[in-house]
Protein backbone atom coordinates (compact mmCIF):
# COMPACT_ATOMS: atom_id res chain seq x y z
CA MET A 1 66.12 30.20 118.23
CA THR A 2 68.26 29.96 121.33
CA ALA A 3 66.22 32.84 122.70
CA TYR A 4 62.68 31.13 121.82
CA HIS A 5 64.10 28.18 123.17
CA SER A 6 65.25 30.15 126.83
CA TRP A 7 62.00 31.92 126.85
CA VAL A 8 59.94 28.66 126.50
CA MET A 9 62.30 27.02 129.23
CA GLY A 10 61.53 30.44 131.42
CA VAL A 11 57.77 30.09 130.94
CA PHE A 12 57.98 26.45 132.49
CA SER A 13 60.42 27.60 134.97
CA ALA A 14 57.99 30.58 136.24
CA LYS A 15 55.07 27.84 136.58
CA TYR A 16 57.39 25.29 138.49
CA GLU A 17 59.15 27.84 140.43
CA PRO A 18 58.17 31.21 140.37
CA GLN A 19 60.95 32.75 142.28
CA SER A 20 63.53 31.77 139.59
CA MET A 21 62.16 34.23 137.22
CA ALA A 22 62.20 37.24 139.61
CA LEU A 23 63.20 39.81 137.73
CA VAL A 24 66.01 41.21 140.14
CA GLU A 25 65.96 38.53 142.87
CA SER A 26 66.53 35.75 140.86
CA HIS A 27 70.12 36.50 140.31
CA GLY A 28 72.40 34.04 141.64
CA TYR A 29 69.37 31.95 142.57
CA GLU A 30 70.52 28.21 143.08
CA THR A 31 68.01 25.75 144.81
CA PRO A 32 68.50 21.95 144.21
CA SER A 33 65.22 21.99 142.77
CA HIS A 34 65.51 24.42 140.33
CA LYS A 35 69.07 22.54 139.40
CA PHE A 36 66.83 19.49 138.86
CA TYR A 37 64.46 21.34 136.72
CA MET A 38 67.38 22.78 134.67
CA ARG A 39 68.86 19.15 134.22
CA MET A 40 65.60 17.71 133.35
CA THR A 41 64.97 20.46 130.77
CA VAL A 42 68.34 19.25 129.12
CA LEU A 43 67.62 15.68 129.23
CA VAL A 44 64.18 16.06 127.75
CA ASN A 45 65.63 18.31 124.80
CA ASP A 46 67.94 15.40 124.28
CA LEU A 47 64.94 12.93 124.26
CA ILE A 48 63.26 15.64 121.71
CA PHE A 49 65.92 16.16 119.26
CA PHE A 50 69.26 14.02 119.92
CA PHE A 51 67.89 10.97 120.45
CA ILE A 52 65.74 11.07 117.44
CA GLY A 53 68.45 12.12 115.22
CA SER A 54 70.71 9.70 116.40
CA LEU A 55 68.11 6.81 115.80
CA CYS A 56 67.61 8.27 112.37
CA VAL A 57 70.98 8.29 111.34
CA THR A 58 71.66 4.88 112.89
CA TYR A 59 69.00 2.95 110.91
CA LEU A 60 69.98 4.25 107.66
CA ASP A 61 70.99 1.47 106.09
CA LEU A 62 69.08 -1.46 108.12
CA LYS A 63 70.67 -4.33 105.97
CA LYS A 64 74.41 -3.31 106.63
CA TYR A 65 74.48 -3.95 110.51
CA ASN A 66 72.85 -6.20 112.98
CA PHE A 67 70.56 -4.77 115.79
CA TYR A 68 73.17 -5.40 118.39
CA VAL A 69 75.72 -3.19 116.76
CA LYS A 70 73.14 -0.43 116.08
CA TRP A 71 71.75 -0.28 120.07
CA ILE A 72 75.69 -0.27 120.86
CA SER A 73 76.44 2.34 118.60
CA LEU A 74 73.64 4.64 119.70
CA LEU A 75 74.77 3.73 123.54
CA LEU A 76 78.07 5.13 122.76
CA ILE A 77 76.26 8.08 120.81
CA PHE A 78 74.12 8.91 124.06
CA PHE A 79 76.71 8.27 126.79
CA ALA A 80 79.82 10.35 125.28
CA PRO A 81 81.20 12.24 128.05
CA PRO A 82 81.19 15.75 125.92
CA ASN A 83 77.65 15.59 126.05
CA VAL A 84 77.06 14.09 129.53
CA LEU A 85 79.26 16.71 131.21
CA ILE A 86 79.26 19.88 129.07
CA ASP A 87 75.33 19.54 128.12
CA HIS A 88 73.57 18.24 131.33
CA GLY A 89 76.05 20.10 133.49
CA HIS A 90 76.48 23.31 132.28
CA PHE A 91 72.93 23.40 130.46
CA GLN A 92 74.49 24.18 127.21
CA TYR A 93 72.16 22.56 124.92
CA ASN A 94 74.43 21.46 122.27
CA CYS A 95 72.34 18.20 121.36
CA VAL A 96 69.58 20.18 120.24
CA ILE A 97 71.90 21.69 117.28
CA MET A 98 73.40 17.97 117.06
CA GLY A 99 70.27 16.45 117.09
CA LEU A 100 68.92 18.91 113.88
CA THR A 101 71.92 18.39 112.06
CA LEU A 102 71.63 14.51 112.47
CA MET A 103 67.93 14.85 111.30
CA GLY A 104 69.14 17.18 108.44
CA LEU A 105 71.74 14.55 107.19
CA TYR A 106 69.11 11.69 107.42
CA PHE A 107 66.54 13.31 105.05
CA CYS A 108 69.63 14.67 102.68
CA CYS A 109 70.71 11.18 102.70
CA ARG A 110 66.98 10.00 101.73
CA ASP A 111 67.20 12.34 98.58
CA GLN A 112 64.82 15.00 100.67
CA LEU A 113 67.33 18.08 100.11
CA VAL A 114 64.76 20.33 101.29
CA ILE A 115 63.69 19.04 104.40
CA GLY A 116 67.31 18.03 105.08
CA SER A 117 68.33 21.75 104.66
CA ILE A 118 65.46 23.29 106.63
CA LEU A 119 66.72 21.24 109.47
CA PHE A 120 70.02 22.34 108.89
CA THR A 121 69.22 25.80 108.68
CA CYS A 122 67.15 25.46 112.00
CA ALA A 123 70.36 24.10 113.94
CA LEU A 124 72.49 26.96 112.45
CA ASN A 125 69.94 29.34 114.10
CA PHE A 126 70.09 27.47 117.11
CA LYS A 127 73.58 28.18 117.66
CA GLN A 128 76.24 29.27 115.44
CA MET A 129 78.29 26.52 116.62
CA ALA A 130 76.60 24.39 113.68
CA PHE A 131 78.68 26.39 111.09
CA TYR A 132 81.52 23.47 111.89
CA TYR A 133 79.12 21.43 109.73
CA ALA A 134 78.19 23.99 107.49
CA PHE A 135 80.53 22.55 104.36
CA ALA A 136 80.07 19.39 104.74
CA PHE A 137 76.42 19.75 103.89
CA PHE A 138 77.17 22.28 101.57
CA ALA A 139 79.46 19.58 99.53
CA PHE A 140 77.02 16.73 100.10
CA ILE A 141 73.80 18.69 99.08
CA PHE A 142 75.65 20.14 96.00
CA GLY A 143 77.34 16.55 95.32
CA LYS A 144 73.57 15.23 95.41
CA ILE A 145 72.35 18.03 93.02
CA ILE A 146 75.42 17.33 90.25
CA ILE A 147 74.43 13.79 90.23
CA ARG A 148 70.67 14.32 90.01
CA ALA A 149 71.67 16.97 86.82
CA LYS A 150 73.82 14.34 85.51
CA ARG A 151 71.09 11.74 85.49
CA SER A 152 68.51 13.59 84.04
CA ASN A 153 70.73 14.82 81.23
CA TYR A 154 70.11 18.33 82.39
CA VAL A 155 73.61 19.35 82.41
CA ASN A 156 76.08 17.83 80.00
CA LEU A 157 79.30 17.45 82.25
CA SER A 158 81.56 15.47 80.00
C-alpha cells in the first residue's frame, strides 16, 4: 500500500511541479515549493487518517470524560514531538498507520471485529511497523471472540 500511496503522491506532484518527477533529472531535486508540497501531503494524510482515528478513539466513551479533557487529549496526541518531527520533517507517513490502527481499534471496541481487522490489515500492508501492535490486536480480538462464545453457550469453557 505504501507504493500505491507514493504513486498517488507522485501523480499529484507531477501535476503540481512536473520537473520533480523527471526520470533522471529529479534526483536530488529540492526546491522550496516542492518541500512545501511534500509537507502538505503529510499534513493532509494526517487529517484524513490520524485525525479521524484519534477522534474515534477519543470519543469511545462519551460519558466518561468531559469536553475539555477530550480536546486536551486530542491536542496532546496531535502535537506529540515524534509525529511533528519525524513525520512532518522526513515524510515518513507514520500517521497513516497509526490512524488506520486507531480506527481498527475503534471498530473492534464497538464489536465490529471484521471492519476493525480490515483496517488493521491495511495498516500492516501500509507499513510493517504496525507489527508492533499485532499481538495486542490478536489478544483483544481473541478475547472478544471467547467472551462472545461464552455468552452464547457455543463453547463450554467451565
